[in-house]
Amino acid sequence: MPLELGDTTATLIGVVTVDEVEELATWLRVTAKPRVNLRKCNHLHTGAFQAILHFRPKVSAAPTDVFLAGLVLPLLMGSGGPPIRERSEP
């Protein structure tokens, strides 16, 4: 099961698909001070990502997946991510 929804923390596990988006968004909407644990998440559907961005829960555990940790987590934490390096012309 990709979602484990507790009283205040949602744990996202493995591959979170479009099938979990509505359940996650509803939980985020009705939970006071929600938290998300992304430690065991290795794929986050864009709908789930958008729900997390919209409701801005606290991230209680960072993902260990390199892509999620390096590029997605900074966006969830309010950063624009790493600076984009401009290409140098040859």
N, C-alpha and C. Protein backbone atom coordinates (compact mmCIF):
# COMPACT_ATOMS: atom_id res chain seq x y z
N MET A 1 0.85 -1.19 0.00
CA MET A 1 0.00 0.00 0.00
C MET A 1 0.89 1.24 0.00
N PRO A 2 0.77 2.09 -1.01
CA PRO A 2 1.62 3.27 -1.11
C PRO A 2 1.32 4.37 -0.09
N LEU A 3 0.15 4.34 0.54
CA LEU A 3 -0.20 5.36 1.52
C LEU A 3 -0.54 4.73 2.85
N GLU A 4 0.07 5.23 3.89
CA GLU A 4 -0.31 4.88 5.26
C GLU A 4 -0.71 6.19 5.92
N LEU A 5 -2.00 6.38 6.12
CA LEU A 5 -2.51 7.64 6.65
C LEU A 5 -2.82 7.50 8.13
N GLY A 6 -2.07 8.25 8.94
CA GLY A 6 -2.28 8.26 10.38
C GLY A 6 -3.05 9.49 10.80
N ASP A 7 -3.07 9.75 12.10
CA ASP A 7 -3.79 10.92 12.61
C ASP A 7 -3.18 12.23 12.11
N THR A 8 -1.85 12.30 12.10
CA THR A 8 -1.20 13.54 11.66
C THR A 8 -0.12 13.34 10.61
N THR A 9 0.26 12.09 10.33
CA THR A 9 1.33 11.83 9.37
C THR A 9 0.89 10.86 8.28
N ALA A 10 1.17 11.24 7.05
CA ALA A 10 0.97 10.36 5.90
C ALA A 10 2.33 9.83 5.48
N THR A 11 2.46 8.52 5.44
CA THR A 11 3.69 7.90 4.99
C THR A 11 3.49 7.42 3.57
N LEU A 12 4.32 7.91 2.65
CA LEU A 12 4.24 7.53 1.24
C LEU A 12 5.31 6.50 0.98
N ILE A 13 4.90 5.34 0.44
CA ILE A 13 5.80 4.20 0.29
C ILE A 13 5.84 3.74 -1.16
N GLY A 14 7.05 3.55 -1.66
CA GLY A 14 7.21 3.00 -3.00
C GLY A 14 6.70 3.95 -4.07
N VAL A 15 5.85 3.41 -4.94
CA VAL A 15 5.33 4.17 -6.07
C VAL A 15 3.94 4.71 -5.72
N VAL A 16 3.83 6.02 -5.64
CA VAL A 16 2.55 6.68 -5.38
C VAL A 16 1.99 7.07 -6.75
N THR A 17 0.87 6.44 -7.13
CA THR A 17 0.31 6.62 -8.46
C THR A 17 -0.89 7.56 -8.42
N VAL A 18 -1.48 7.76 -9.57
CA VAL A 18 -2.67 8.60 -9.69
C VAL A 18 -3.81 8.04 -8.85
N ASP A 19 -3.82 6.73 -8.61
CA ASP A 19 -4.89 6.12 -7.82
C ASP A 19 -4.90 6.59 -6.37
N GLU A 20 -3.78 7.08 -5.86
CA GLU A 20 -3.70 7.54 -4.47
C GLU A 20 -3.90 9.05 -4.32
N VAL A 21 -3.95 9.77 -5.41
CA VAL A 21 -3.98 11.23 -5.34
C VAL A 21 -5.20 11.76 -4.60
N GLU A 22 -6.38 11.28 -4.95
CA GLU A 22 -7.59 11.79 -4.31
C GLU A 22 -7.61 11.50 -2.81
N GLU A 23 -7.21 10.30 -2.44
CA GLU A 23 -7.18 9.94 -1.02
C GLU A 23 -6.18 10.82 -0.25
N LEU A 24 -5.00 11.03 -0.83
CA LEU A 24 -4.00 11.88 -0.20
C LEU A 24 -4.48 13.32 -0.09
N ALA A 25 -5.05 13.86 -1.16
CA ALA A 25 -5.53 15.24 -1.15
C ALA A 25 -6.64 15.43 -0.12
N THR A 26 -7.54 14.47 -0.04
CA THR A 26 -8.63 14.56 0.96
C THR A 26 -8.05 14.53 2.36
N TRP A 27 -7.10 13.64 2.60
CA TRP A 27 -6.47 13.55 3.93
C TRP A 27 -5.76 14.86 4.27
N LEU A 28 -5.04 15.42 3.31
CA LEU A 28 -4.34 16.68 3.55
C LEU A 28 -5.33 17.81 3.85
N ARG A 29 -6.47 17.79 3.18
CA ARG A 29 -7.48 18.84 3.35
C ARG A 29 -8.10 18.81 4.75
N VAL A 30 -8.34 17.63 5.28
CA VAL A 30 -9.08 17.52 6.55
C VAL A 30 -8.18 17.37 7.78
N THR A 31 -6.90 17.20 7.58
CA THR A 31 -5.99 16.98 8.71
C THR A 31 -5.37 18.30 9.17
N ALA A 32 -5.51 18.55 10.47
CA ALA A 32 -4.90 19.74 11.05
C ALA A 32 -3.39 19.49 11.20
N LYS A 33 -2.59 20.41 10.73
CA LYS A 33 -1.13 20.32 10.78
C LYS A 33 -0.60 18.99 10.25
N PRO A 34 -0.91 18.68 8.98
CA PRO A 34 -0.46 17.39 8.43
C PRO A 34 1.05 17.36 8.21
N ARG A 35 1.58 16.14 8.24
CA ARG A 35 2.99 15.88 7.99
C ARG A 35 3.07 14.75 6.97
N VAL A 36 4.09 14.77 6.13
CA VAL A 36 4.31 13.67 5.20
C VAL A 36 5.71 13.10 5.38
N ASN A 37 5.77 11.79 5.40
CA ASN A 37 7.02 11.06 5.50
C ASN A 37 7.31 10.49 4.12
N LEU A 38 8.38 10.95 3.50
CA LEU A 38 8.73 10.53 2.15
C LEU A 38 9.92 9.58 2.11
N ARG A 39 10.38 9.14 3.26
CA ARG A 39 11.61 8.33 3.33
C ARG A 39 11.59 7.12 2.39
N LYS A 40 10.48 6.41 2.33
CA LYS A 40 10.42 5.18 1.54
C LYS A 40 9.76 5.38 0.17
N CYS A 41 9.49 6.63 -0.20
CA CYS A 41 8.86 6.92 -1.48
C CYS A 41 9.93 6.98 -2.57
N ASN A 42 9.68 6.29 -3.69
CA ASN A 42 10.66 6.37 -4.78
C ASN A 42 10.04 6.84 -6.09
N HIS A 43 8.74 7.11 -6.09
CA HIS A 43 8.08 7.72 -7.26
C HIS A 43 6.83 8.43 -6.76
N LEU A 44 6.69 9.68 -7.17
CA LEU A 44 5.56 10.49 -6.74
C LEU A 44 4.83 11.01 -7.96
N HIS A 45 3.60 10.55 -8.17
CA HIS A 45 2.81 11.02 -9.31
C HIS A 45 2.68 12.54 -9.22
N THR A 46 2.65 13.20 -10.35
CA THR A 46 2.59 14.66 -10.35
C THR A 46 1.35 15.19 -9.64
N GLY A 47 0.25 14.44 -9.66
CA GLY A 47 -0.95 14.87 -8.93
C GLY A 47 -0.72 14.86 -7.43
N ALA A 48 -0.02 13.85 -6.93
CA ALA A 48 0.30 13.79 -5.50
C ALA A 48 1.28 14.92 -5.15
N PHE A 49 2.24 15.16 -6.02
CA PHE A 49 3.19 16.26 -5.83
C PHE A 49 2.45 17.59 -5.75
N GLN A 50 1.50 17.80 -6.66
CA GLN A 50 0.73 19.04 -6.67
C GLN A 50 -0.12 19.19 -5.41
N ALA A 51 -0.69 18.10 -4.93
CA ALA A 51 -1.48 18.16 -3.69
C ALA A 51 -0.60 18.56 -2.51
N ILE A 52 0.60 17.99 -2.45
CA ILE A 52 1.52 18.34 -1.37
C ILE A 52 1.94 19.80 -1.50
N LEU A 53 2.22 20.25 -2.72
CA LEU A 53 2.57 21.65 -2.92
C LEU A 53 1.43 22.57 -2.50
N HIS A 54 0.21 22.18 -2.82
CA HIS A 54 -0.95 23.03 -2.51
C HIS A 54 -1.19 23.14 -1.00
N PHE A 55 -1.16 22.03 -0.29
CA PHE A 55 -1.50 22.03 1.13
C PHE A 55 -0.30 22.31 2.04
N ARG A 56 0.91 22.21 1.50
CA ARG A 56 2.15 22.53 2.22
C ARG A 56 2.27 21.87 3.60
N PRO A 57 2.13 20.54 3.68
CA PRO A 57 2.35 19.88 4.96
C PRO A 57 3.84 19.90 5.30
N LYS A 58 4.15 19.69 6.54
CA LYS A 58 5.56 19.59 6.94
C LYS A 58 6.09 18.23 6.46
N VAL A 59 7.28 18.23 5.89
CA VAL A 59 7.93 16.99 5.48
C VAL A 59 8.70 16.47 6.69
N SER A 60 8.22 15.36 7.26
CA SER A 60 8.82 14.84 8.49
C SER A 60 10.02 13.95 8.24
N ALA A 61 10.13 13.38 7.04
CA ALA A 61 11.29 12.56 6.69
C ALA A 61 11.55 12.71 5.20
N ALA A 62 12.77 13.05 4.87
CA ALA A 62 13.17 13.27 3.48
C ALA A 62 13.27 11.95 2.73
N PRO A 63 13.02 11.97 1.42
CA PRO A 63 13.15 10.75 0.64
C PRO A 63 14.61 10.34 0.49
N THR A 64 14.84 9.04 0.39
CA THR A 64 16.20 8.56 0.14
C THR A 64 16.45 8.42 -1.36
N ASP A 65 15.39 8.42 -2.16
CA ASP A 65 15.52 8.38 -3.61
C ASP A 65 16.26 9.64 -4.08
N VAL A 66 17.28 9.46 -4.90
CA VAL A 66 18.14 10.56 -5.33
C VAL A 66 17.37 11.65 -6.08
N PHE A 67 16.50 11.26 -7.01
CA PHE A 67 15.74 12.24 -7.77
C PHE A 67 14.81 13.04 -6.86
N LEU A 68 14.04 12.34 -6.03
CA LEU A 68 13.11 13.04 -5.14
C LEU A 68 13.85 13.93 -4.15
N ALA A 69 14.95 13.44 -3.61
CA ALA A 69 15.70 14.21 -2.62
C ALA A 69 16.37 15.43 -3.25
N GLY A 70 16.88 15.27 -4.46
CA GLY A 70 17.64 16.35 -5.07
C GLY A 70 16.82 17.40 -5.80
N LEU A 71 15.72 16.97 -6.42
CA LEU A 71 14.97 17.91 -7.24
C LEU A 71 13.56 18.20 -6.74
N VAL A 72 12.91 17.23 -6.13
CA VAL A 72 11.53 17.43 -5.69
C VAL A 72 11.48 17.99 -4.26
N LEU A 73 12.28 17.46 -3.36
CA LEU A 73 12.25 17.91 -1.98
C LEU A 73 12.50 19.41 -1.82
N PRO A 74 13.48 20.00 -2.53
CA PRO A 74 13.67 21.45 -2.39
C PRO A 74 12.42 22.25 -2.76
N LEU A 75 11.66 21.78 -3.73
CA LEU A 75 10.42 22.46 -4.10
C LEU A 75 9.38 22.34 -3.00
N LEU A 76 9.32 21.17 -2.36
CA LEU A 76 8.36 20.97 -1.27
C LEU A 76 8.76 21.75 -0.02
N MET A 77 10.05 22.02 0.10
CA MET A 77 10.55 22.74 1.27
C MET A 77 10.54 24.25 1.05
N GLY A 78 10.10 24.69 -0.13
CA GLY A 78 9.99 26.12 -0.39
C GLY A 78 11.16 26.72 -1.14
N SER A 79 12.10 25.88 -1.55
CA SER A 79 13.24 26.38 -2.31
C SER A 79 12.96 26.19 -3.79
N GLY A 80 13.61 26.96 -4.58
CA GLY A 80 13.49 26.79 -6.01
C GLY A 80 14.35 25.67 -6.54
N GLY A 81 15.06 24.97 -5.68
CA GLY A 81 15.93 23.90 -6.12
C GLY A 81 17.32 24.42 -6.43
N PRO A 82 18.15 23.57 -6.97
CA PRO A 82 19.51 23.98 -7.26
C PRO A 82 19.54 24.99 -8.40
N PRO A 83 20.53 25.88 -8.39
CA PRO A 83 20.61 26.86 -9.47
C PRO A 83 20.83 26.17 -10.81
N ILE A 84 20.23 26.72 -11.84
CA ILE A 84 20.40 26.18 -13.17
C ILE A 84 21.65 26.79 -13.78
N ARG A 85 22.55 25.93 -14.22
CA ARG A 85 23.77 26.41 -14.85
C ARG A 85 23.49 26.73 -16.30
N GLU A 86 23.94 27.87 -16.70
CA GLU A 86 23.75 28.25 -18.10
C GLU A 86 24.79 27.54 -18.94
N ARG A 87 24.38 27.21 -20.15
CA ARG A 87 25.32 26.55 -21.06
C ARG A 87 26.34 27.57 -21.55
N SER A 88 27.55 27.11 -21.65
CA SER A 88 28.57 27.98 -22.24
C SER A 88 28.69 27.64 -23.71
N GLU A 89 28.82 28.64 -24.50
CA GLU A 89 28.95 28.44 -25.94
C GLU A 89 30.36 27.97 -26.26
N PRO A 90 30.51 27.01 -27.17
CA PRO A 90 31.85 26.54 -27.53
C PRO A 90 32.65 27.56 -28.29
